[in-house]
Amino acid sequence: MSDEHDEKPNRIGPTIWAMAVIAMAAFVGWKVLGPATQSVVSHAPTMQAPQKTPTISEPVVPPIQMTAQLVRGRRFFEDSCALCHGERGDGNGRLSPGQAPRPRDFRRAKFKFATTDNHVPSDDDLLRLFRSGVTGATMPGFPQAGREDLLAVAAYVRKLVVEGVAAELSHEVSNGTMTTDDARRALASRTTPGPAIVVPPEPPTDEARLENGKRIYLEACVKCHGADGEPDLSLQLFDEDGQRNIPRRFAQGFFKVGEDGPTLYIRTLKGMAGTPMPSFEGAYSPSDIWDVVHYVQLLCRHPRKN
């Protein structure tokens, strides 16, 4: 009997011990694996939709190849123009600070002196300006330059204009506010010279017509240019860049690009882009514009000779 009672604990003991080990393992596994599993699930990366690759639109204008004429024009520009207008034609040359008015920023395609309907100068407009310069400004003339040199620099200036406007329009395309086709049409419109302005034949003048010209002058011009052609120099007028503009002194014969009848007719008709000088197109008849031109010429007590 004693042998039988001694063997029972030996058989039950290992069983209980095994069950205890299994229970302990299960408990430890829950403590270790449970939170880890939860952590893996809670921190699993969220699946995101693949991002679309930005669409690369076609350029508004392909790169302009440097021809022999453009190389010649660039050389002239760098030697004679870049000090004021900057090497990129942005109007920020080394001599530009303090100049009034500021040199043209060709990239913006804003020209004051054009004889075309859309204010984009023709080759003849540019050559005339290059030869004569601008009276009362720091823009000199180059009367000794040959025609081929002037045509070359005109072509190079047009290149700067096209590249500047194309860069502006490309930004609009990339923002989605303009299509490439619309940008190309806008580029052509802003950089291609339009039809020449048709100047009607200059009529003869008389006392009655001069009186009509004076009436129009006092109505439309006196505020800026003064009753006798001498402007009030304290008048605060500014261009679109915030630079102060002083009106022309007609009584002293100071005209920027000439005082001949057709030139003054066009300036009165179209105004000057980017300046306080407005257009009077549609406000007065061609006959009225000729009358005010002749009255302005009468105010020139000491006209300069071209």
Protein backbone atom coordinates (compact mmCIF):
# COMPACT_ATOMS: atom_id res chain seq x y z
CA MET A 1 0.00 0.00 0.00
CA SER A 2 2.73 2.32 0.86
CA ASP A 3 4.25 1.81 -2.62
CA GLU A 4 0.97 2.69 -4.38
CA HIS A 5 0.51 5.90 -2.34
CA ASP A 6 4.09 6.93 -3.11
CA GLU A 7 3.68 6.62 -6.97
CA LYS A 8 0.46 8.80 -7.36
CA PRO A 9 2.12 12.13 -6.58
CA ASN A 10 4.85 11.30 -9.04
CA ARG A 11 2.28 10.88 -11.88
CA ILE A 12 0.12 13.94 -11.03
CA GLY A 13 3.01 16.30 -10.32
CA PRO A 14 4.45 16.39 -13.85
CA THR A 15 0.96 16.95 -15.32
CA ILE A 16 0.25 19.91 -13.09
CA TRP A 17 3.67 21.32 -13.82
CA ALA A 18 3.13 21.02 -17.57
CA MET A 19 -0.24 22.77 -17.34
CA ALA A 20 1.30 25.54 -15.31
CA VAL A 21 4.05 26.04 -17.87
CA ILE A 22 1.47 26.21 -20.72
CA ALA A 23 -0.63 28.73 -18.81
CA MET A 24 2.39 30.86 -18.04
CA ALA A 25 3.48 30.77 -21.70
CA ALA A 26 0.01 31.80 -22.83
CA PHE A 27 -0.02 34.69 -20.37
CA VAL A 28 3.42 35.88 -21.37
CA GLY A 29 2.51 35.55 -25.04
CA TRP A 30 -0.57 37.70 -24.56
CA LYS A 31 1.39 40.37 -22.72
CA VAL A 32 4.17 40.43 -25.30
CA LEU A 33 2.50 39.64 -28.60
CA GLY A 34 -0.88 41.28 -27.96
CA PRO A 35 0.33 44.90 -27.67
CA ALA A 36 2.93 44.36 -30.38
CA THR A 37 0.25 43.13 -32.74
CA GLN A 38 -1.93 46.08 -31.85
CA SER A 39 1.01 48.40 -32.39
CA VAL A 40 1.70 46.91 -35.81
CA VAL A 41 -1.92 47.32 -36.82
CA SER A 42 -2.30 50.82 -35.47
CA HIS A 43 0.90 52.01 -37.11
CA ALA A 44 0.46 50.31 -40.44
CA PRO A 45 0.99 52.87 -43.22
CA THR A 46 -2.17 54.14 -44.87
CA MET A 47 -2.33 53.28 -48.53
CA GLN A 48 -2.37 56.48 -50.60
CA ALA A 49 -3.41 56.96 -54.18
CA PRO A 50 -0.37 57.34 -56.42
CA GLN A 51 0.37 60.97 -57.22
CA LYS A 52 -0.05 62.08 -60.78
CA THR A 53 3.06 63.15 -62.57
CA PRO A 54 2.73 66.84 -63.52
CA THR A 55 2.02 67.28 -67.19
CA ILE A 56 4.84 69.09 -68.96
CA SER A 57 3.25 71.41 -71.49
CA GLU A 58 4.87 72.37 -74.74
CA PRO A 59 6.88 75.60 -74.61
CA VAL A 60 5.06 78.75 -75.62
CA VAL A 61 7.88 79.46 -78.04
CA PRO A 62 10.81 77.21 -78.96
CA PRO A 63 14.31 78.48 -78.13
CA ILE A 64 15.34 81.20 -80.55
CA GLN A 65 18.43 80.18 -82.45
CA MET A 66 21.25 82.73 -82.62
CA THR A 67 21.69 83.69 -86.26
CA ALA A 68 24.59 85.73 -87.58
CA GLN A 69 22.36 88.83 -87.46
CA LEU A 70 21.42 88.20 -83.84
CA VAL A 71 25.05 87.70 -82.86
CA ARG A 72 25.87 91.01 -84.52
CA GLY A 73 22.93 92.69 -82.78
CA ARG A 74 23.91 91.25 -79.38
CA ARG A 75 27.43 92.63 -79.79
CA PHE A 76 26.03 96.11 -80.53
CA PHE A 77 23.57 95.83 -77.65
CA GLU A 78 26.21 94.77 -75.14
CA ASP A 79 28.56 97.57 -76.26
CA SER A 80 26.04 100.42 -76.50
CA CYS A 81 22.77 99.54 -74.72
CA ALA A 82 23.34 97.13 -71.82
CA LEU A 83 24.81 99.74 -69.46
CA CYS A 84 21.33 101.24 -69.17
CA HIS A 85 18.95 98.51 -70.33
CA GLY A 86 20.81 95.60 -68.72
CA GLU A 87 22.26 92.55 -70.43
CA ARG A 88 18.87 90.82 -70.28
CA GLY A 89 17.00 93.91 -71.46
CA ASP A 90 15.24 94.27 -68.09
CA GLY A 91 16.06 97.97 -67.64
CA ASN A 92 18.42 97.28 -64.73
CA GLY A 93 21.77 98.16 -66.23
CA ARG A 94 24.60 99.53 -64.14
CA LEU A 95 23.76 103.11 -65.10
CA SER A 96 20.00 102.80 -64.64
CA PRO A 97 19.71 103.82 -60.94
CA GLY A 98 18.70 107.45 -60.67
CA GLN A 99 17.69 107.79 -64.32
CA ALA A 100 14.33 109.45 -64.91
CA PRO A 101 12.56 108.07 -66.75
CA ARG A 102 13.95 104.61 -66.20
CA PRO A 103 15.31 102.67 -69.20
CA ARG A 104 12.79 100.44 -70.97
CA ASP A 105 12.27 96.90 -69.71
CA PHE A 106 12.06 95.24 -73.11
CA ARG A 107 10.75 92.00 -71.60
CA ARG A 108 7.40 93.65 -70.90
CA ALA A 109 6.82 94.70 -74.53
CA LYS A 110 5.80 98.24 -73.62
CA PHE A 111 7.01 100.78 -76.16
CA LYS A 112 6.24 104.48 -76.17
CA PHE A 113 7.12 105.41 -79.72
CA ALA A 114 5.42 103.29 -82.34
CA THR A 115 3.52 104.13 -85.50
CA THR A 116 1.53 100.89 -85.50
CA ASP A 117 -2.02 100.34 -84.39
CA ASN A 118 -1.07 97.94 -81.56
CA HIS A 119 1.91 99.91 -80.18
CA VAL A 120 4.41 97.23 -81.26
CA PRO A 121 7.11 99.16 -83.13
CA SER A 122 8.03 98.38 -86.69
CA ASP A 123 11.64 98.08 -87.81
CA ASP A 124 11.43 101.64 -89.14
CA ASP A 125 10.20 102.84 -85.73
CA LEU A 126 13.15 101.21 -83.98
CA LEU A 127 15.69 102.46 -86.50
CA ARG A 128 14.32 106.00 -86.24
CA LEU A 129 14.59 105.84 -82.45
CA PHE A 130 18.11 104.36 -82.51
CA ARG A 131 19.29 107.10 -84.84
CA SER A 132 17.72 110.09 -83.08
CA GLY A 133 17.58 109.02 -79.43
CA VAL A 134 15.05 110.60 -77.06
CA THR A 135 15.26 114.30 -76.28
CA GLY A 136 15.11 115.06 -72.56
CA ALA A 137 16.01 111.50 -71.60
CA THR A 138 19.26 109.58 -71.22
CA MET A 139 18.62 107.63 -74.42
CA PRO A 140 21.30 108.74 -76.91
CA GLY A 141 21.14 108.52 -80.67
CA PHE A 142 23.48 106.57 -82.92
CA PRO A 143 23.35 108.57 -86.16
CA GLN A 144 26.69 107.22 -87.36
CA ALA A 145 25.69 103.56 -87.04
CA GLY A 146 25.13 101.68 -90.29
CA ARG A 147 21.71 100.41 -91.28
CA GLU A 148 22.76 96.76 -91.00
CA ASP A 149 24.02 97.30 -87.45
CA LEU A 150 20.76 99.01 -86.49
CA LEU A 151 18.66 96.27 -88.08
CA ALA A 152 20.72 93.69 -86.19
CA VAL A 153 20.22 95.37 -82.81
CA ALA A 154 16.51 95.78 -83.62
CA ALA A 155 16.31 92.03 -84.24
CA TYR A 156 18.11 91.33 -80.97
CA VAL A 157 15.76 93.65 -79.05
CA ARG A 158 12.82 91.76 -80.56
CA LYS A 159 14.39 88.51 -79.33
CA LEU A 160 14.55 89.92 -75.78
CA VAL A 161 10.93 91.04 -76.08
CA VAL A 162 9.69 87.64 -77.30
CA GLU A 163 11.61 85.75 -74.61
CA GLY A 164 10.35 88.07 -71.87
CA VAL A 165 6.70 87.86 -72.89
CA ALA A 166 6.99 84.08 -73.46
CA ALA A 167 8.35 83.61 -69.92
CA GLU A 168 5.43 85.61 -68.52
CA LEU A 169 2.86 83.62 -70.49
CA SER A 170 4.54 80.29 -69.66
CA HIS A 171 3.94 81.09 -66.01
CA GLU A 172 0.25 81.56 -66.77
CA VAL A 173 0.18 78.21 -68.59
CA SER A 174 1.87 76.40 -65.69
CA ASN A 175 -0.68 77.93 -63.29
CA GLY A 176 -3.51 76.63 -65.44
CA THR A 177 -4.91 80.11 -66.11
CA MET A 178 -4.11 79.95 -69.83
CA THR A 179 -3.77 77.23 -72.42
CA THR A 180 -0.65 76.88 -74.52
CA ASP A 181 -2.57 77.81 -77.66
CA ASP A 182 -3.99 80.93 -76.01
CA ALA A 183 -0.52 81.86 -74.80
CA ARG A 184 0.89 81.55 -78.30
CA ARG A 185 -1.85 83.78 -79.68
CA ALA A 186 -1.20 86.34 -76.94
CA LEU A 187 2.53 86.20 -77.66
CA ALA A 188 1.97 86.91 -81.35
CA SER A 189 -0.42 89.76 -80.55
CA ARG A 190 1.99 91.42 -78.12
CA THR A 191 5.18 91.08 -80.14
CA THR A 192 4.19 91.31 -83.81
CA PRO A 193 3.90 94.83 -85.26
CA GLY A 194 0.35 95.61 -86.30
CA PRO A 195 -0.79 97.68 -89.29
CA ALA A 196 0.69 101.12 -89.66
CA ILE A 197 -1.45 103.98 -88.37
CA VAL A 198 -3.01 105.81 -91.26
CA VAL A 199 -2.31 109.50 -90.80
CA PRO A 200 -4.72 111.61 -92.85
CA PRO A 201 -3.21 114.32 -95.03
CA GLU A 202 -2.16 117.35 -93.01
CA PRO A 203 -4.65 120.15 -93.71
CA PRO A 204 -3.80 123.84 -93.96
CA THR A 205 -4.55 125.87 -90.87
CA ASP A 206 -6.10 129.28 -90.29
CA GLU A 207 -7.27 131.42 -87.40
CA ALA A 208 -10.52 129.52 -86.96
CA ARG A 209 -8.78 126.16 -86.87
CA LEU A 210 -6.11 127.42 -84.48
CA GLU A 211 -8.88 128.68 -82.21
CA ASN A 212 -10.46 125.23 -82.31
CA GLY A 213 -7.08 123.70 -81.50
CA LYS A 214 -6.70 126.05 -78.54
CA ARG A 215 -10.15 125.08 -77.29
CA ILE A 216 -9.26 121.39 -77.40
CA TYR A 217 -5.86 122.03 -75.80
CA LEU A 218 -7.45 123.90 -72.88
CA GLU A 219 -9.98 121.13 -72.55
CA ALA A 220 -7.70 118.09 -72.73
CA CYS A 221 -4.04 119.09 -72.39
CA VAL A 222 -3.72 122.09 -70.10
CA LYS A 223 -3.80 120.15 -66.82
CA CYS A 224 -0.48 118.51 -67.58
CA HIS A 225 1.25 120.72 -70.13
CA GLY A 226 0.17 124.16 -68.86
CA ALA A 227 -1.85 126.88 -70.56
CA ASP A 228 1.17 128.35 -72.33
CA GLY A 229 3.00 125.07 -72.92
CA GLU A 230 5.00 125.36 -69.68
CA PRO A 231 3.92 122.62 -67.25
CA ASP A 232 3.79 123.04 -63.50
CA LEU A 233 7.00 121.26 -62.52
CA SER A 234 5.61 120.46 -59.08
CA LEU A 235 2.90 118.33 -60.66
CA GLN A 236 3.15 114.74 -59.44
CA LEU A 237 2.60 112.40 -62.38
CA PHE A 238 3.85 108.81 -62.39
CA ASP A 239 4.23 106.04 -64.94
CA GLU A 240 3.09 102.46 -64.43
CA ASP A 241 6.36 101.63 -62.63
CA GLY A 242 5.88 104.40 -60.09
CA GLN A 243 8.53 106.63 -61.66
CA ARG A 244 7.79 110.33 -61.80
CA ASN A 245 7.05 111.75 -65.26
CA ILE A 246 7.46 115.43 -66.09
CA PRO A 247 5.24 116.57 -68.99
CA ARG A 248 6.88 117.96 -72.12
CA ARG A 249 7.69 121.70 -72.18
CA PHE A 250 6.09 122.64 -75.47
CA ALA A 251 7.00 126.32 -75.12
CA GLN A 252 10.68 125.37 -75.21
CA GLY A 253 10.32 123.09 -78.21
CA PHE A 254 11.10 119.96 -76.18
CA PHE A 255 9.67 116.95 -77.93
CA LYS A 256 10.91 113.44 -77.34
CA VAL A 257 11.02 112.15 -80.90
CA GLY A 258 10.17 115.07 -83.15
CA GLU A 259 7.76 117.95 -83.57
CA ASP A 260 6.70 117.33 -87.16
CA GLY A 261 2.97 117.11 -87.83
CA PRO A 262 2.58 113.33 -88.44
CA THR A 263 4.65 112.45 -85.34
CA LEU A 264 2.59 114.72 -83.08
CA TYR A 265 -0.61 113.46 -84.68
CA ILE A 266 0.24 109.86 -83.79
CA ARG A 267 1.32 110.75 -80.23
CA THR A 268 -1.96 112.64 -79.68
CA LEU A 269 -4.03 109.88 -81.24
CA LYS A 270 -2.42 106.91 -79.49
CA GLY A 271 -0.80 108.37 -76.38
CA MET A 272 2.30 106.71 -74.94
CA ALA A 273 2.04 103.26 -73.41
CA GLY A 274 2.94 103.01 -69.74
CA THR A 275 2.92 106.79 -69.16
CA PRO A 276 0.31 109.33 -67.98
CA MET A 277 -0.06 110.50 -71.61
CA PRO A 278 -3.45 109.09 -72.67
CA SER A 279 -4.86 108.23 -76.06
CA PHE A 280 -7.44 110.58 -77.55
CA GLU A 281 -8.53 108.11 -80.20
CA GLY A 282 -12.31 108.29 -80.47
CA ALA A 283 -12.51 111.38 -78.27
CA TYR A 284 -11.80 113.79 -81.12
CA SER A 285 -12.10 113.66 -84.88
CA PRO A 286 -9.02 113.51 -87.13
CA SER A 287 -9.68 117.14 -88.05
CA ASP A 288 -9.73 118.13 -84.36
CA ILE A 289 -6.49 116.27 -83.69
CA TRP A 290 -4.79 118.14 -86.54
CA ASP A 291 -6.04 121.44 -85.07
CA VAL A 292 -4.58 120.72 -81.65
CA VAL A 293 -1.30 119.57 -83.24
CA HIS A 294 -1.02 122.89 -85.05
CA TYR A 295 -1.80 124.79 -81.86
CA VAL A 296 0.89 122.87 -79.96
CA GLN A 297 3.36 123.73 -82.72
CA LEU A 298 2.35 127.39 -82.31
CA LEU A 299 3.30 127.18 -78.63
CA CYS A 300 6.86 126.24 -79.57
CA ARG A 301 8.45 129.67 -79.39
CA HIS A 302 11.93 128.21 -79.86
CA PRO A 303 11.48 124.86 -81.64
CA ARG A 304 14.65 122.82 -81.92
CA LYS A 305 15.83 121.73 -85.33
CA ASN A 306 16.19 118.04 -86.12
